[in-house]
């Protein structure tokens, strides 16, 4: 299984990537964003969601 980190996961491009990866059992996405509530309209089952600011990540 391949891990994929998506920074800024609530952005427009990231949402397309999340939709694409959601149907792929060979990739395990980790979503990093400021507020997880912004993803309430997406199916994030099987994905790890991390809340935080980029400076705290780096």
N, C-alpha and C. Protein backbone atom coordinates (compact mmCIF):
# COMPACT_ATOMS: atom_id res chain seq x y z
N UNK A 1 0.84 -1.17 0.00
CA UNK A 1 0.00 0.00 0.00
C UNK A 1 0.89 1.24 0.00
N UNK A 2 0.48 2.24 -0.76
CA UNK A 2 1.22 3.49 -0.88
C UNK A 2 0.54 4.57 -0.04
N UNK A 3 1.32 5.35 0.68
CA UNK A 3 0.79 6.46 1.46
C UNK A 3 0.88 7.74 0.63
N UNK A 4 -0.12 8.61 0.76
CA UNK A 4 -0.12 9.89 0.06
C UNK A 4 -0.52 10.98 1.05
N UNK A 5 0.29 12.03 1.14
CA UNK A 5 0.00 13.17 2.00
C UNK A 5 -0.55 14.30 1.14
N UNK A 6 -1.71 14.81 1.51
CA UNK A 6 -2.33 15.91 0.78
C UNK A 6 -2.40 17.11 1.72
N UNK A 7 -1.57 18.12 1.45
CA UNK A 7 -1.57 19.35 2.24
C UNK A 7 -2.62 20.30 1.68
N UNK A 8 -3.30 21.03 2.56
CA UNK A 8 -4.34 21.95 2.10
C UNK A 8 -5.52 21.18 1.53
N UNK A 9 -5.94 20.15 2.24
CA UNK A 9 -6.92 19.20 1.72
C UNK A 9 -8.31 19.79 1.49
N UNK A 10 -8.59 20.98 1.97
CA UNK A 10 -9.91 21.57 1.73
C UNK A 10 -9.94 22.43 0.47
N UNK A 11 -8.82 22.55 -0.22
CA UNK A 11 -8.75 23.35 -1.45
C UNK A 11 -9.42 22.67 -2.63
N UNK A 12 -9.66 23.43 -3.67
CA UNK A 12 -10.39 22.93 -4.85
C UNK A 12 -9.67 21.79 -5.55
N UNK A 13 -8.39 21.93 -5.79
CA UNK A 13 -7.64 20.86 -6.47
C UNK A 13 -7.54 19.64 -5.58
N UNK A 14 -7.28 19.85 -4.29
CA UNK A 14 -7.17 18.73 -3.36
C UNK A 14 -8.47 17.93 -3.30
N UNK A 15 -9.61 18.60 -3.40
CA UNK A 15 -10.89 17.88 -3.36
C UNK A 15 -11.03 16.94 -4.56
N UNK A 16 -10.53 17.33 -5.71
CA UNK A 16 -10.55 16.45 -6.87
C UNK A 16 -9.65 15.24 -6.64
N UNK A 17 -8.49 15.49 -6.06
CA UNK A 17 -7.55 14.41 -5.78
C UNK A 17 -8.15 13.45 -4.75
N UNK A 18 -8.79 13.98 -3.71
CA UNK A 18 -9.42 13.15 -2.69
C UNK A 18 -10.50 12.28 -3.31
N UNK A 19 -11.30 12.85 -4.20
CA UNK A 19 -12.33 12.08 -4.89
C UNK A 19 -11.75 10.96 -5.71
N UNK A 20 -10.64 11.22 -6.37
CA UNK A 20 -9.97 10.20 -7.18
C UNK A 20 -9.38 9.10 -6.30
N UNK A 21 -8.71 9.49 -5.23
CA UNK A 21 -8.06 8.51 -4.36
C UNK A 21 -9.04 7.72 -3.51
N UNK A 22 -10.22 8.26 -3.30
CA UNK A 22 -11.23 7.59 -2.48
C UNK A 22 -11.62 6.23 -3.02
N UNK A 23 -11.57 6.04 -4.31
CA UNK A 23 -11.95 4.77 -4.90
C UNK A 23 -10.78 3.84 -5.15
N UNK A 24 -9.60 4.19 -4.67
CA UNK A 24 -8.40 3.40 -4.91
C UNK A 24 -7.96 2.71 -3.62
N UNK A 25 -8.04 1.38 -3.59
CA UNK A 25 -7.69 0.62 -2.38
C UNK A 25 -6.19 0.48 -2.19
N UNK A 26 -5.40 0.86 -3.18
CA UNK A 26 -3.95 0.69 -3.11
C UNK A 26 -3.23 1.92 -2.55
N UNK A 27 -3.99 3.01 -2.31
CA UNK A 27 -3.40 4.24 -1.81
C UNK A 27 -4.11 4.64 -0.51
N UNK A 28 -3.32 4.95 0.51
CA UNK A 28 -3.87 5.38 1.80
C UNK A 28 -3.59 6.87 1.98
N UNK A 29 -4.59 7.74 1.74
CA UNK A 29 -4.36 9.18 1.85
C UNK A 29 -4.37 9.68 3.30
N UNK A 30 -3.51 10.64 3.58
CA UNK A 30 -3.53 11.40 4.82
C UNK A 30 -3.82 12.84 4.43
N UNK A 31 -4.89 13.39 4.98
CA UNK A 31 -5.34 14.73 4.63
C UNK A 31 -4.94 15.70 5.74
N UNK A 32 -4.25 16.77 5.37
CA UNK A 32 -3.78 17.76 6.33
C UNK A 32 -4.42 19.10 6.00
N UNK A 33 -5.16 19.67 6.95
CA UNK A 33 -5.84 20.94 6.71
C UNK A 33 -6.08 21.67 8.02
N UNK A 34 -6.47 22.93 7.94
CA UNK A 34 -6.67 23.73 9.16
C UNK A 34 -7.93 23.32 9.91
N UNK A 35 -9.03 23.10 9.22
CA UNK A 35 -10.30 22.77 9.89
C UNK A 35 -10.94 21.57 9.21
N UNK A 36 -11.00 20.47 9.94
CA UNK A 36 -11.55 19.23 9.39
C UNK A 36 -13.04 19.37 9.04
N UNK A 37 -13.73 20.30 9.66
CA UNK A 37 -15.15 20.51 9.39
C UNK A 37 -15.39 20.89 7.93
N UNK A 38 -14.39 21.42 7.26
CA UNK A 38 -14.53 21.80 5.85
C UNK A 38 -14.67 20.59 4.94
N UNK A 39 -14.39 19.40 5.46
CA UNK A 39 -14.50 18.17 4.66
C UNK A 39 -15.78 17.41 4.95
N UNK A 40 -16.71 18.02 5.68
CA UNK A 40 -17.93 17.31 6.09
C UNK A 40 -18.76 16.82 4.91
N UNK A 41 -18.61 17.44 3.75
CA UNK A 41 -19.39 17.03 2.58
C UNK A 41 -18.69 15.94 1.76
N UNK A 42 -17.51 15.50 2.19
CA UNK A 42 -16.77 14.46 1.46
C UNK A 42 -16.73 13.17 2.27
N UNK A 43 -16.64 12.04 1.58
CA UNK A 43 -16.48 10.75 2.23
C UNK A 43 -14.99 10.54 2.48
N UNK A 44 -14.58 10.63 3.73
CA UNK A 44 -13.17 10.47 4.08
C UNK A 44 -12.92 9.14 4.81
N UNK A 45 -13.83 8.19 4.65
CA UNK A 45 -13.63 6.90 5.29
C UNK A 45 -12.39 6.23 4.70
N UNK A 46 -11.58 5.63 5.57
CA UNK A 46 -10.34 5.00 5.13
C UNK A 46 -9.20 5.98 4.96
N UNK A 47 -9.43 7.25 5.29
CA UNK A 47 -8.40 8.28 5.18
C UNK A 47 -8.09 8.82 6.56
N UNK A 48 -6.86 9.23 6.77
CA UNK A 48 -6.46 9.87 8.02
C UNK A 48 -6.58 11.38 7.83
N UNK A 49 -7.28 12.04 8.76
CA UNK A 49 -7.46 13.49 8.69
C UNK A 49 -6.70 14.12 9.86
N UNK A 50 -5.81 15.07 9.55
CA UNK A 50 -5.02 15.77 10.56
C UNK A 50 -5.31 17.26 10.46
N UNK A 51 -5.66 17.86 11.61
CA UNK A 51 -5.90 19.30 11.66
C UNK A 51 -4.67 20.02 12.18
N UNK A 52 -4.33 21.15 11.56
CA UNK A 52 -3.21 21.95 12.05
C UNK A 52 -2.79 22.99 11.04
N UNK A 53 -1.86 23.84 11.46
CA UNK A 53 -1.26 24.83 10.58
C UNK A 53 0.00 24.26 9.97
N UNK A 54 0.33 24.70 8.77
CA UNK A 54 1.55 24.21 8.12
C UNK A 54 2.81 24.46 8.96
N UNK A 55 2.96 25.63 9.60
CA UNK A 55 4.18 25.82 10.40
C UNK A 55 4.36 24.78 11.50
N UNK A 56 3.25 24.28 12.08
CA UNK A 56 3.37 23.27 13.13
C UNK A 56 3.72 21.90 12.55
N UNK A 57 3.51 21.73 11.27
CA UNK A 57 3.80 20.47 10.60
C UNK A 57 5.26 20.38 10.20
N UNK A 58 5.83 21.51 9.78
CA UNK A 58 7.20 21.51 9.24
C UNK A 58 8.25 21.68 10.29
